[in-house]
Amino acid sequence: MQSLRPERRSRPLGAVLLVAAFVAATLFLPGGARAEDAAVQIDDFAFSPPSLTVKAGTTVTWRNKDDIPHTVASSTRMFKSKALDTDDSYSFTFNEPGSYGYFCSLHPHMTGKIVVEPANHAAQ
């Protein structure tokens, strides 16, 4: 009498394919970037993007591409970089959800914002 159940050896292949599909979706689809990777560029007296939404636990790195020094300073004094020369960078990890304004202390008209969502929400 024949069994209607699939052969056992097909299950491991199915599991491998499922894991491979998950890894591919995580690495290559929009929104699949790792939570700890986010960047803001400083150029032409502006932060780009001016507003960035990330998940809690994300480390944001600011890189100065301008020809003159700039700083990254929290409006609430939570963080402050040294003066960043061209190609220098500064990083800060945002662990708590909330909205964090920042500016360049050398050029106060330069402002930006980091919005931190709980880790289980999608970042944009």
PDB file of N, CA and C in Angstrom:
ATOM      1  N   MET A   1       0.832  -1.168   0.000  1.00  0.00           N
ATOM      2  CA  MET A   1       0.000   0.000   0.000  1.00  0.00           C
ATOM      3  C   MET A   1       0.889   1.247   0.000  1.00  0.00           C
ATOM      4  N   GLN A   2       0.544   2.234  -0.805  1.00  0.00           N
ATOM      5  CA  GLN A   2       1.351   3.446  -0.919  1.00  0.00           C
ATOM      6  C   GLN A   2       0.945   4.466   0.139  1.00  0.00           C
ATOM      7  N   SER A   3       1.913   5.186   0.606  1.00  0.00           N
ATOM      8  CA  SER A   3       1.668   6.254   1.567  1.00  0.00           C
ATOM      9  C   SER A   3       1.383   7.544   0.809  1.00  0.00           C
ATOM     10  N   LEU A   4       0.489   8.369   1.316  1.00  0.00           N
ATOM     11  CA  LEU A   4       0.172   9.649   0.692  1.00  0.00           C
ATOM     12  C   LEU A   4       1.041  10.781   1.232  1.00  0.00           C
ATOM     13  N   ARG A   5       1.865  10.481   2.218  1.00  0.00           N
ATOM     14  CA  ARG A   5       2.752  11.501   2.774  1.00  0.00           C
ATOM     15  C   ARG A   5       3.961  11.677   1.869  1.00  0.00           C
ATOM     16  N   PRO A   6       4.466  12.917   1.742  1.00  0.00           N
ATOM     17  CA  PRO A   6       5.671  13.127   0.934  1.00  0.00           C
ATOM     18  C   PRO A   6       6.867  12.432   1.570  1.00  0.00           C
ATOM     19  N   GLU A   7       7.831  12.144   0.747  1.00  0.00           N
ATOM     20  CA  GLU A   7       9.046  11.515   1.255  1.00  0.00           C
ATOM     21  C   GLU A   7       9.765  12.476   2.191  1.00  0.00           C
ATOM     22  N   ARG A   8      10.426  11.941   3.211  1.00  0.00           N
ATOM     23  CA  ARG A   8      11.120  12.747   4.213  1.00  0.00           C
ATOM     24  C   ARG A   8      12.257  13.570   3.636  1.00  0.00           C
ATOM     25  N   ARG A   9      12.932  13.061   2.635  1.00  0.00           N
ATOM     26  CA  ARG A   9      14.103  13.787   2.139  1.00  0.00           C
ATOM     27  C   ARG A   9      13.738  15.113   1.475  1.00  0.00           C
ATOM     28  N   SER A  10      12.492  15.359   1.114  1.00  0.00           N
ATOM     29  CA  SER A  10      12.111  16.632   0.514  1.00  0.00           C
ATOM     30  C   SER A  10      11.961  17.733   1.569  1.00  0.00           C
ATOM     31  N   ARG A  11      11.756  17.379   2.813  1.00  0.00           N
ATOM     32  CA  ARG A  11      11.602  18.385   3.868  1.00  0.00           C
ATOM     33  C   ARG A  11      12.867  19.211   4.083  1.00  0.00           C
ATOM     34  N   PRO A  12      14.053  18.605   4.183  1.00  0.00           N
ATOM     35  CA  PRO A  12      15.252  19.438   4.360  1.00  0.00           C
ATOM     36  C   PRO A  12      15.449  20.414   3.196  1.00  0.00           C
ATOM     37  N   LEU A  13      15.162  19.982   1.979  1.00  0.00           N
ATOM     38  CA  LEU A  13      15.309  20.875   0.832  1.00  0.00           C
ATOM     39  C   LEU A  13      14.340  22.045   0.959  1.00  0.00           C
ATOM     40  N   GLY A  14      13.123  21.767   1.376  1.00  0.00           N
ATOM     41  CA  GLY A  14      12.141  22.832   1.571  1.00  0.00           C
ATOM     42  C   GLY A  14      12.590  23.821   2.630  1.00  0.00           C
ATOM     43  N   ALA A  15      13.156  23.328   3.706  1.00  0.00           N
ATOM     44  CA  ALA A  15      13.649  24.206   4.776  1.00  0.00           C
ATOM     45  C   ALA A  15      14.800  25.071   4.281  1.00  0.00           C
ATOM     46  N   VAL A  16      15.693  24.486   3.514  1.00  0.00           N
ATOM     47  CA  VAL A  16      16.824  25.239   2.962  1.00  0.00           C
ATOM     48  C   VAL A  16      16.315  26.333   2.029  1.00  0.00           C
ATOM     49  N   LEU A  17      15.355  26.020   1.179  1.00  0.00           N
ATOM     50  CA  LEU A  17      14.801  27.016   0.262  1.00  0.00           C
ATOM     51  C   LEU A  17      14.090  28.133   1.018  1.00  0.00           C
ATOM     52  N   LEU A  18      13.384  27.791   2.075  1.00  0.00           N
ATOM     53  CA  LEU A  18      12.708  28.798   2.880  1.00  0.00           C
ATOM     54  C   LEU A  18      13.715  29.746   3.533  1.00  0.00           C
ATOM     55  N   VAL A  19      14.773  29.207   4.096  1.00  0.00           N
ATOM     56  CA  VAL A  19      15.819  30.034   4.712  1.00  0.00           C
ATOM     57  C   VAL A  19      16.488  30.909   3.656  1.00  0.00           C
ATOM     58  N   ALA A  20      16.788  30.356   2.494  1.00  0.00           N
ATOM     59  CA  ALA A  20      17.422  31.128   1.420  1.00  0.00           C
ATOM     60  C   ALA A  20      16.519  32.275   0.971  1.00  0.00           C
ATOM     61  N   ALA A  21      15.223  32.030   0.859  1.00  0.00           N
ATOM     62  CA  ALA A  21      14.289  33.085   0.458  1.00  0.00           C
ATOM     63  C   ALA A  21      14.246  34.192   1.508  1.00  0.00           C
ATOM     64  N   PHE A  22      14.249  33.819   2.785  1.00  0.00           N
ATOM     65  CA  PHE A  22      14.234  34.811   3.854  1.00  0.00           C
ATOM     66  C   PHE A  22      15.502  35.669   3.826  1.00  0.00           C
ATOM     67  N   VAL A  23      16.646  35.036   3.676  1.00  0.00           N
ATOM     68  CA  VAL A  23      17.918  35.767   3.626  1.00  0.00           C
ATOM     69  C   VAL A  23      17.929  36.718   2.436  1.00  0.00           C
ATOM     70  N   ALA A  24      17.488  36.256   1.279  1.00  0.00           N
ATOM     71  CA  ALA A  24      17.461  37.107   0.086  1.00  0.00           C
ATOM     72  C   ALA A  24      16.538  38.299   0.302  1.00  0.00           C
ATOM     73  N   ALA A  25      15.367  38.075   0.878  1.00  0.00           N
ATOM     74  CA  ALA A  25      14.434  39.173   1.128  1.00  0.00           C
ATOM     75  C   ALA A  25      15.017  40.170   2.118  1.00  0.00           C
ATOM     76  N   THR A  26      15.690  39.685   3.123  1.00  0.00           N
ATOM     77  CA  THR A  26      16.282  40.560   4.129  1.00  0.00           C
ATOM     78  C   THR A  26      17.404  41.408   3.550  1.00  0.00           C
ATOM     79  N   LEU A  27      18.201  40.837   2.669  1.00  0.00           N
ATOM     80  CA  LEU A  27      19.360  41.551   2.134  1.00  0.00           C
ATOM     81  C   LEU A  27      19.053  42.433   0.939  1.00  0.00           C
ATOM     82  N   PHE A  28      18.097  42.033   0.099  1.00  0.00           N
ATOM     83  CA  PHE A  28      17.960  42.696  -1.187  1.00  0.00           C
ATOM     84  C   PHE A  28      16.682  43.493  -1.388  1.00  0.00           C
ATOM     85  N   LEU A  29      15.672  43.330  -0.580  1.00  0.00           N
ATOM     86  CA  LEU A  29      14.441  44.080  -0.761  1.00  0.00           C
ATOM     87  C   LEU A  29      14.517  45.403  -0.023  1.00  0.00           C
ATOM     88  N   PRO A  30      13.785  46.449  -0.516  1.00  0.00           N
ATOM     89  CA  PRO A  30      13.761  47.725   0.202  1.00  0.00           C
ATOM     90  C   PRO A  30      13.292  47.510   1.629  1.00  0.00           C
ATOM     91  N   GLY A  31      13.910  48.228   2.542  1.00  0.00           N
ATOM     92  CA  GLY A  31      13.565  48.072   3.946  1.00  0.00           C
ATOM     93  C   GLY A  31      14.289  46.915   4.600  1.00  0.00           C
ATOM     94  N   GLY A  32      15.092  46.185   3.822  1.00  0.00           N
ATOM     95  CA  GLY A  32      15.789  45.038   4.361  1.00  0.00           C
ATOM     96  C   GLY A  32      17.158  45.377   4.906  1.00  0.00           C
ATOM     97  N   ALA A  33      17.516  46.645   4.905  1.00  0.00           N
ATOM     98  CA  ALA A  33      18.824  47.036   5.423  1.00  0.00           C
ATOM     99  C   ALA A  33      18.891  46.750   6.916  1.00  0.00           C
ATOM    100  N   ARG A  34      20.060  46.497   7.396  1.00  0.00           N
ATOM    101  CA  ARG A  34      20.233  46.225   8.817  1.00  0.00           C
ATOM    102  C   ARG A  34      19.863  47.451   9.632  1.00  0.00           C
ATOM    103  N   ALA A  35      19.288  47.223  10.787  1.00  0.00           N
ATOM    104  CA  ALA A  35      18.841  48.318  11.646  1.00  0.00           C
ATOM    105  C   ALA A  35      20.004  49.205  12.077  1.00  0.00           C
ATOM    106  N   GLU A  36      21.188  48.644  12.180  1.00  0.00           N
ATOM    107  CA  GLU A  36      22.300  49.427  12.711  1.00  0.00           C
ATOM    108  C   GLU A  36      23.007  50.300  11.673  1.00  0.00           C
ATOM    109  N   ASP A  37      22.521  50.319  10.435  1.00  0.00           N
ATOM    110  CA  ASP A  37      23.175  51.084   9.384  1.00  0.00           C
ATOM    111  C   ASP A  37      22.305  52.242   8.908  1.00  0.00           C
ATOM    112  N   ALA A  38      22.764  53.466   9.105  1.00  0.00           N
ATOM    113  CA  ALA A  38      22.077  54.647   8.587  1.00  0.00           C
ATOM    114  C   ALA A  38      23.116  55.749   8.434  1.00  0.00           C
ATOM    115  N   ALA A  39      22.925  56.595   7.429  1.00  0.00           N
ATOM    116  CA  ALA A  39      23.930  57.626   7.159  1.00  0.00           C
ATOM    117  C   ALA A  39      23.283  58.958   6.816  1.00  0.00           C
ATOM    118  N   VAL A  40      23.953  60.024   7.237  1.00  0.00           N
ATOM    119  CA  VAL A  40      23.591  61.388   6.883  1.00  0.00           C
ATOM    120  C   VAL A  40      24.848  62.034   6.327  1.00  0.00           C
ATOM    121  N   GLN A  41      24.716  62.676   5.194  1.00  0.00           N
ATOM    122  CA  GLN A  41      25.852  63.358   4.577  1.00  0.00           C
ATOM    123  C   GLN A  41      25.748  64.854   4.858  1.00  0.00           C
ATOM    124  N   ILE A  42      26.879  65.466   5.121  1.00  0.00           N
ATOM    125  CA  ILE A  42      26.954  66.914   5.318  1.00  0.00           C
ATOM    126  C   ILE A  42      27.628  67.487   4.081  1.00  0.00           C
ATOM    127  N   ASP A  43      26.887  68.325   3.347  1.00  0.00           N
ATOM    128  CA  ASP A  43      27.432  68.894   2.113  1.00  0.00           C
ATOM    129  C   ASP A  43      26.689  70.179   1.774  1.00  0.00           C
ATOM    130  N   ASP A  44      27.406  71.170   1.290  1.00  0.00           N
ATOM    131  CA  ASP A  44      26.824  72.444   0.863  1.00  0.00           C
ATOM    132  C   ASP A  44      25.989  73.072   1.987  1.00  0.00           C
ATOM    133  N   PHE A  45      26.533  73.051   3.194  1.00  0.00           N
ATOM    134  CA  PHE A  45      25.897  73.639   4.375  1.00  0.00           C
ATOM    135  C   PHE A  45      24.515  73.044   4.657  1.00  0.00           C
ATOM    136  N   ALA A  46      24.379  71.721   4.471  1.00  0.00           N
ATOM    137  CA  ALA A  46      23.104  71.049   4.738  1.00  0.00           C
ATOM    138  C   ALA A  46      23.337  69.604   5.152  1.00  0.00           C
ATOM    139  N   PHE A  47      22.399  69.073   5.943  1.00  0.00           N
ATOM    140  CA  PHE A  47      22.377  67.654   6.291  1.00  0.00           C
ATOM    141  C   PHE A  47      21.464  66.952   5.288  1.00  0.00           C
ATOM    142  N   SER A  48      21.925  65.844   4.739  1.00  0.00           N
ATOM    143  CA  SER A  48      21.135  65.120   3.747  1.00  0.00           C
ATOM    144  C   SER A  48      21.101  63.633   4.076  1.00  0.00           C
ATOM    145  N   PRO A  49      19.931  63.069   4.331  1.00  0.00           N
ATOM    146  CA  PRO A  49      18.622  63.723   4.308  1.00  0.00           C
ATOM    147  C   PRO A  49      18.433  64.601   5.549  1.00  0.00           C
ATOM    148  N   PRO A  50      17.577  65.629   5.436  1.00  0.00           N
ATOM    149  CA  PRO A  50      17.359  66.505   6.586  1.00  0.00           C
ATOM    150  C   PRO A  50      16.576  65.825   7.711  1.00  0.00           C
ATOM    151  N   SER A  51      15.802  64.805   7.365  1.00  0.00           N
ATOM    152  CA  SER A  51      15.062  64.022   8.351  1.00  0.00           C
ATOM    153  C   SER A  51      15.236  62.549   8.009  1.00  0.00           C
ATOM    154  N   LEU A  52      15.515  61.744   9.017  1.00  0.00           N
ATOM    155  CA  LEU A  52      15.775  60.322   8.815  1.00  0.00           C
ATOM    156  C   LEU A  52      15.013  59.530   9.867  1.00  0.00           C
ATOM    157  N   THR A  53      14.282  58.500   9.432  1.00  0.00           N
ATOM    158  CA  THR A  53      13.549  57.628  10.347  1.00  0.00           C
ATOM    159  C   THR A  53      14.268  56.290  10.430  1.00  0.00           C
ATOM    160  N   VAL A  54      14.552  55.855  11.655  1.00  0.00           N
ATOM    161  CA  VAL A  54      15.301  54.616  11.883  1.00  0.00           C
ATOM    162  C   VAL A  54      14.630  53.811  12.990  1.00  0.00           C
ATOM    163  N   LYS A  55      15.062  52.579  13.154  1.00  0.00           N
ATOM    164  CA  LYS A  55      14.592  51.731  14.249  1.00  0.00           C
ATOM    165  C   LYS A  55      15.479  51.939  15.475  1.00  0.00           C
ATOM    166  N   ALA A  56      14.917  51.719  16.651  1.00  0.00           N
ATOM    167  CA  ALA A  56      15.708  51.780  17.884  1.00  0.00           C
ATOM    168  C   ALA A  56      16.872  50.798  17.772  1.00  0.00           C
ATOM    169  N   GLY A  57      18.032  51.233  18.240  1.00  0.00           N
ATOM    170  CA  GLY A  57      19.236  50.412  18.146  1.00  0.00           C
ATOM    171  C   GLY A  57      20.095  50.745  16.944  1.00  0.00           C
ATOM    172  N   THR A  58      19.623  51.658  16.102  1.00  0.00           N
ATOM    173  CA  THR A  58      20.357  52.037  14.895  1.00  0.00           C
ATOM    174  C   THR A  58      21.489  53.002  15.224  1.00  0.00           C
ATOM    175  N   THR A  59      22.639  52.788  14.611  1.00  0.00           N
ATOM    176  CA  THR A  59      23.745  53.732  14.685  1.00  0.00           C
ATOM    177  C   THR A  59      23.703  54.598  13.437  1.00  0.00           C
ATOM    178  N   VAL A  60      23.604  55.899  13.640  1.00  0.00           N
ATOM    179  CA  VAL A  60      23.607  56.855  12.530  1.00  0.00           C
ATOM    180  C   VAL A  60      25.011  57.432  12.426  1.00  0.00           C
ATOM    181  N   THR A  61      25.534  57.478  11.206  1.00  0.00           N
ATOM    182  CA  THR A  61      26.855  58.052  10.958  1.00  0.00           C
ATOM    183  C   THR A  61      26.701  59.274  10.065  1.00  0.00           C
ATOM    184  N   TRP A  62      27.223  60.398  10.532  1.00  0.00           N
ATOM    185  CA  TRP A  62      27.261  61.626   9.750  1.00  0.00           C
ATOM    186  C   TRP A  62      28.651  61.736   9.141  1.00  0.00           C
ATOM    187  N   ARG A  63      28.749  62.052   7.858  1.00  0.00           N
ATOM    188  CA  ARG A  63      30.041  62.217   7.191  1.00  0.00           C
ATOM    189  C   ARG A  63      30.071  63.597   6.536  1.00  0.00           C
ATOM    190  N   ASN A  64      31.137  64.356   6.839  1.00  0.00           N
ATOM    191  CA  ASN A  64      31.286  65.696   6.281  1.00  0.00           C
ATOM    192  C   ASN A  64      31.918  65.626   4.896  1.00  0.00           C
ATOM    193  N   LYS A  65      31.165  66.014   3.882  1.00  0.00           N
ATOM    194  CA  LYS A  65      31.669  66.078   2.507  1.00  0.00           C
ATOM    195  C   LYS A  65      31.899  67.524   2.074  1.00  0.00           C
ATOM    196  N   ASP A  66      31.691  68.449   2.999  1.00  0.00           N
ATOM    197  CA  ASP A  66      31.886  69.865   2.699  1.00  0.00           C
ATOM    198  C   ASP A  66      33.364  70.222   2.807  1.00  0.00           C
ATOM    199  N   ASP A  67      33.723  71.377   2.283  1.00  0.00           N
ATOM    200  CA  ASP A  67      35.118  71.823   2.304  1.00  0.00           C
ATOM    201  C   ASP A  67      35.512  72.510   3.608  1.00  0.00           C
ATOM    202  N   ILE A  68      34.556  72.724   4.486  1.00  0.00           N
ATOM    203  CA  ILE A  68      34.844  73.386   5.758  1.00  0.00           C
ATOM    204  C   ILE A  68      34.325  72.528   6.910  1.00  0.00           C
ATOM    205  N   PRO A  69      34.817  72.755   8.131  1.00  0.00           N
ATOM    206  CA  PRO A  69      34.379  71.947   9.276  1.00  0.00           C
ATOM    207  C   PRO A  69      32.908  72.182   9.637  1.00  0.00           C
ATOM    208  N   HIS A  70      32.296  71.135  10.167  1.00  0.00           N
ATOM    209  CA  HIS A  70      30.934  71.180  10.703  1.00  0.00           C
ATOM    210  C   HIS A  70      30.893  70.312  11.953  1.00  0.00           C
ATOM    211  N   THR A  71      29.861  70.504  12.765  1.00  0.00           N
ATOM    212  CA  THR A  71      29.628  69.638  13.920  1.00  0.00           C
ATOM    213  C   THR A  71      28.232  69.035  13.813  1.00  0.00           C
ATOM    214  N   VAL A  72      27.985  68.054  14.651  1.00  0.00           N
ATOM    215  CA  VAL A  72      26.655  67.462  14.808  1.00  0.00           C
ATOM    216  C   VAL A  72      26.352  67.557  16.296  1.00  0.00           C
ATOM    217  N   ALA A  73      25.376  68.398  16.658  1.00  0.00           N
ATOM    218  CA  ALA A  73      25.063  68.628  18.068  1.00  0.00           C
ATOM    219  C   ALA A  73      23.570  68.451  18.308  1.00  0.00           C
ATOM    220  N   SER A  74      23.231  67.648  19.290  1.00  0.00           N
ATOM    221  CA  SER A  74      21.835  67.426  19.665  1.00  0.00           C
ATOM    222  C   SER A  74      21.242  68.697  20.254  1.00  0.00           C
ATOM    223  N   SER A  75      19.993  68.968  19.923  1.00  0.00           N
ATOM    224  CA  SER A  75      19.292  70.123  20.491  1.00  0.00           C
ATOM    225  C   SER A  75      19.118  69.992  21.996  1.00  0.00           C
ATOM    226  N   THR A  76      19.172  68.763  22.509  1.00  0.00           N
ATOM    227  CA  THR A  76      18.997  68.510  23.947  1.00  0.00           C
ATOM    228  C   THR A  76      20.312  68.153  24.643  1.00  0.00           C
ATOM    229  N   ARG A  77      21.423  68.342  23.957  1.00  0.00           N
ATOM    230  CA  ARG A  77      22.761  68.040  24.487  1.00  0.00           C
ATOM    231  C   ARG A  77      22.989  66.551  24.738  1.00  0.00           C
ATOM    232  N   MET A  78      22.251  65.717  24.050  1.00  0.00           N
ATOM    233  CA  MET A  78      22.405  64.266  24.191  1.00  0.00           C
ATOM    234  C   MET A  78      23.703  63.783  23.544  1.00  0.00           C
ATOM    235  N   PHE A  79      24.109  64.445  22.455  1.00  0.00           N
ATOM    236  CA  PHE A  79      25.354  64.092  21.769  1.00  0.00           C
ATOM    237  C   PHE A  79      25.913  65.338  21.099  1.00  0.00           C
ATOM    238  N   LYS A  80      27.229  65.338  20.906  1.00  0.00           N
ATOM    239  CA  LYS A  80      27.888  66.430  20.184  1.00  0.00           C
ATOM    240  C   LYS A  80      29.221  65.924  19.662  1.00  0.00           C
ATOM    241  N   SER A  81      29.447  66.152  18.382  1.00  0.00           N
ATOM    242  CA  SER A  81      30.713  65.749  17.768  1.00  0.00           C
ATOM    243  C   SER A  81      31.755  66.844  17.953  1.00  0.00           C
ATOM    244  N   LYS A  82      32.981  66.481  17.703  1.00  0.00           N
ATOM    245  CA  LYS A  82      34.037  67.486  17.551  1.00  0.00           C
ATOM    246  C   LYS A  82      33.823  68.130  16.178  1.00  0.00           C
ATOM    247  N   ALA A  83      34.592  69.145  15.857  1.00  0.00           N
ATOM    248  CA  ALA A  83      34.528  69.719  14.514  1.00  0.00           C
ATOM    249  C   ALA A  83      34.999  68.661  13.514  1.00  0.00           C
ATOM    250  N   LEU A  84      34.171  68.389  12.532  1.00  0.00           N
ATOM    251  CA  LEU A  84      34.484  67.364  11.530  1.00  0.00           C
ATOM    252  C   LEU A  84      35.069  68.018  10.291  1.00  0.00           C
ATOM    253  N   ASP A  85      36.308  67.696   9.983  1.00  0.00           N
ATOM    254  CA  ASP A  85      36.918  68.171   8.746  1.00  0.00           C
ATOM    255  C   ASP A  85      36.379  67.354   7.574  1.00  0.00           C
ATOM    256  N   THR A  86      36.767  67.721   6.367  1.00  0.00           N
ATOM    257  CA  THR A  86      36.321  67.004   5.172  1.00  0.00           C
ATOM    258  C   THR A  86      36.625  65.515   5.294  1.00  0.00           C
ATOM    259  N   ASP A  87      35.613  64.692   5.031  1.00  0.00           N
ATOM    260  CA  ASP A  87      35.655  63.221   5.089  1.00  0.00           C
ATOM    261  C   ASP A  87      35.711  62.645   6.503  1.00  0.00           C
ATOM    262  N   ASP A  88      35.690  63.486   7.539  1.00  0.00           N
ATOM    263  CA  ASP A  88      35.573  62.970   8.902  1.00  0.00           C
ATOM    264  C   ASP A  88      34.137  62.517   9.139  1.00  0.00           C
ATOM    265  N   SER A  89      33.968  61.615  10.108  1.00  0.00           N
ATOM    266  CA  SER A  89      32.619  61.147  10.423  1.00  0.00           C
ATOM    267  C   SER A  89      32.419  61.100  11.932  1.00  0.00           C
ATOM    268  N   TYR A  90      31.152  61.064  12.309  1.00  0.00           N
ATOM    269  CA  TYR A  90      30.736  60.954  13.708  1.00  0.00           C
ATOM    270  C   TYR A  90      29.545  60.001  13.754  1.00  0.00           C
ATOM    271  N   SER A  91      29.510  59.118  14.737  1.00  0.00           N
ATOM    272  CA  SER A  91      28.418  58.149  14.858  1.00  0.00           C
ATOM    273  C   SER A  91      27.791  58.215  16.241  1.00  0.00           C
ATOM    274  N   PHE A  92      26.484  57.960  16.280  1.00  0.00           N
ATOM    275  CA  PHE A  92      25.744  57.899  17.541  1.00  0.00           C
ATOM    276  C   PHE A  92      24.669  56.833  17.403  1.00  0.00           C
ATOM    277  N   THR A  93      24.493  56.019  18.452  1.00  0.00           N
ATOM    278  CA  THR A  93      23.480  54.964  18.447  1.00  0.00           C
ATOM    279  C   THR A  93      22.236  55.447  19.183  1.00  0.00           C
ATOM    280  N   PHE A  94      21.093  55.359  18.503  1.00  0.00           N
ATOM    281  CA  PHE A  94      19.805  55.773  19.050  1.00  0.00           C
ATOM    282  C   PHE A  94      19.071  54.544  19.577  1.00  0.00           C
ATOM    283  N   ASN A  95      18.999  54.419  20.901  1.00  0.00           N
ATOM    284  CA  ASN A  95      18.370  53.252  21.520  1.00  0.00           C
ATOM    285  C   ASN A  95      16.926  53.473  21.943  1.00  0.00           C
ATOM    286  N   GLU A  96      16.530  54.719  22.134  1.00  0.00           N
ATOM    287  CA  GLU A  96      15.181  55.018  22.622  1.00  0.00           C
ATOM    288  C   GLU A  96      14.337  55.667  21.530  1.00  0.00           C
ATOM    289  N   PRO A  97      13.084  55.195  21.348  1.00  0.00           N
ATOM    290  CA  PRO A  97      12.190  55.841  20.381  1.00  0.00           C
ATOM    291  C   PRO A  97      11.969  57.307  20.738  1.00  0.00           C
ATOM    292  N   GLY A  98      11.796  58.130  19.722  1.00  0.00           N
ATOM    293  CA  GLY A  98      11.557  59.552  19.925  1.00  0.00           C
ATOM    294  C   GLY A  98      12.019  60.343  18.719  1.00  0.00           C
ATOM    295  N   SER A  99      11.914  61.658  18.827  1.00  0.00           N
ATOM    296  CA  SER A  99      12.353  62.564  17.771  1.00  0.00           C
ATOM    297  C   SER A  99      13.524  63.376  18.313  1.00  0.00           C
ATOM    298  N   TYR A 100      14.627  63.369  17.589  1.00  0.00           N
ATOM    299  CA  TYR A 100      15.862  63.995  18.044  1.00  0.00           C
ATOM    300  C   TYR A 100      16.313  65.050  17.037  1.00  0.00           C
ATOM    301  N   GLY A 101      16.175  66.325  17.416  1.00  0.00           N
ATOM    302  CA  GLY A 101      16.662  67.405  16.574  1.00  0.00           C
ATOM    303  C   GLY A 101      18.151  67.605  16.785  1.00  0.00           C
ATOM    304  N   TYR A 102      18.828  68.053  15.733  1.00  0.00           N
ATOM    305  CA  TYR A 102      20.258  68.346  15.850  1.00  0.00           C
ATOM    306  C   TYR A 102      20.612  69.495  14.915  1.00  0.00           C
ATOM    307  N   PHE A 103      21.819  70.048  15.095  1.00  0.00           N
ATOM    308  CA  PHE A 103      22.261  71.194  14.300  1.00  0.00           C
ATOM    309  C   PHE A 103      23.781  71.221  14.270  1.00  0.00           C
ATOM    310  N   CYS A 104      24.323  72.080  13.434  1.00  0.00           N
ATOM    311  CA  CYS A 104      25.764  72.330  13.400  1.00  0.00           C
ATOM    312  C   CYS A 104      26.028  73.520  14.317  1.00  0.00           C
ATOM    313  N   SER A 105      26.836  73.329  15.354  1.00  0.00           N
ATOM    314  CA  SER A 105      27.085  74.424  16.299  1.00  0.00           C
ATOM    315  C   SER A 105      27.917  75.546  15.681  1.00  0.00           C
ATOM    316  N   LEU A 106      28.592  75.271  14.577  1.00  0.00           N
ATOM    317  CA  LEU A 106      29.360  76.304  13.877  1.00  0.00           C
ATOM    318  C   LEU A 106      28.487  77.094  12.903  1.00  0.00           C
ATOM    319  N   HIS A 107      27.402  76.481  12.452  1.00  0.00           N
ATOM    320  CA  HIS A 107      26.473  77.087  11.487  1.00  0.00           C
ATOM    321  C   HIS A 107      25.054  76.714  11.925  1.00  0.00           C
ATOM    322  N   PRO A 108      24.505  77.402  12.936  1.00  0.00           N
ATOM    323  CA  PRO A 108      23.242  76.990  13.560  1.00  0.00           C
ATOM    324  C   PRO A 108      22.031  76.921  12.632  1.00  0.00           C
ATOM    325  N   HIS A 109      22.129  77.521  11.446  1.00  0.00           N
ATOM    326  CA  HIS A 109      21.010  77.410  10.497  1.00  0.00           C
ATOM    327  C   HIS A 109      20.927  76.003   9.894  1.00  0.00           C
ATOM    328  N   MET A 110      21.984  75.219  10.036  1.00  0.00           N
ATOM    329  CA  MET A 110      21.992  73.837   9.547  1.00  0.00           C
ATOM    330  C   MET A 110      21.321  72.954  10.594  1.00  0.00           C
ATOM    331  N   THR A 111      20.167  72.391  10.252  1.00  0.00           N
ATOM    332  CA  THR A 111      19.430  71.562  11.198  1.00  0.00           C
ATOM    333  C   THR A 111      19.015  70.243  10.560  1.00  0.00           C
ATOM    334  N   GLY A 112      18.742  69.274  11.414  1.00  0.00           N
ATOM    335  CA  GLY A 112      18.262  67.976  10.953  1.00  0.00           C
ATOM    336  C   GLY A 112      17.481  67.300  12.054  1.00  0.00           C
ATOM    337  N   LYS A 113      16.904  66.147  11.720  1.00  0.00           N
ATOM    338  CA  LYS A 113      16.094  65.422  12.698  1.00  0.00           C
ATOM    339  C   LYS A 113      16.224  63.924  12.460  1.00  0.00           C
ATOM    340  N   ILE A 114      16.357  63.183  13.559  1.00  0.00           N
ATOM    341  CA  ILE A 114      16.327  61.720  13.528  1.00  0.00           C
ATOM    342  C   ILE A 114      15.068  61.292  14.277  1.00  0.00           C
ATOM    343  N   VAL A 115      14.212  60.519  13.612  1.00  0.00           N
ATOM    344  CA  VAL A 115      13.012  59.962  14.238  1.00  0.00           C
ATOM    345  C   VAL A 115      13.296  58.487  14.495  1.00  0.00           C
ATOM    346  N   VAL A 116      13.203  58.087  15.758  1.00  0.00           N
ATOM    347  CA  VAL A 116      13.502  56.704  16.143  1.00  0.00           C
ATOM    348  C   VAL A 116      12.200  56.005  16.515  1.00  0.00           C
ATOM    349  N   GLU A 117      11.907  54.933  15.786  1.00  0.00           N
ATOM    350  CA  GLU A 117      10.715  54.127  16.044  1.00  0.00           C
ATOM    351  C   GLU A 117      11.102  52.888  16.839  1.00  0.00           C
ATOM    352  N   PRO A 118      10.138  52.288  17.543  1.00  0.00           N
ATOM    353  CA  PRO A 118      10.437  51.023  18.226  1.00  0.00           C
ATOM    354  C   PRO A 118      10.992  50.009  17.230  1.00  0.00           C
ATOM    355  N   ALA A 119      11.838  49.134  17.690  1.00  0.00           N
ATOM    356  CA  ALA A 119      12.529  48.188  16.809  1.00  0.00           C
ATOM    357  C   ALA A 119      11.585  47.310  16.009  1.00  0.00           C
ATOM    358  N   ASN A 120      10.356  47.097  16.469  1.00  0.00           N
ATOM    359  CA  ASN A 120       9.436  46.236  15.738  1.00  0.00           C
ATOM    360  C   ASN A 120       8.651  46.964  14.660  1.00  0.00           C
ATOM    361  N   HIS A 121       8.851  48.281  14.472  1.00  0.00           N
ATOM    362  CA  HIS A 121       8.210  49.033  13.393  1.00  0.00           C
ATOM    363  C   HIS A 121       9.165  49.174  12.228  1.00  0.00           C
ATOM    364  N   ALA A 122       8.621  49.306  11.015  1.00  0.00           N
ATOM    365  CA  ALA A 122       9.455  49.472   9.818  1.00  0.00           C
ATOM    366  C   ALA A 122      10.005  50.886   9.767  1.00  0.00           C
ATOM    367  N   ALA A 123      11.280  51.022   9.416  1.00  0.00           N
ATOM    368  CA  ALA A 123      11.910  52.336   9.232  1.00  0.00           C
ATOM    369  C   ALA A 123      11.777  52.746   7.782  1.00  0.00           C
ATOM    370  N   GLN A 124      11.848  54.066   7.545  1.00  0.00           N
ATOM    371  CA  GLN A 124      11.761  54.571   6.169  1.00  0.00           C
ATOM    372  C   GLN A 124      13.025  55.289   5.810  1.00  0.00           C
TER     373      GLN A 124
END
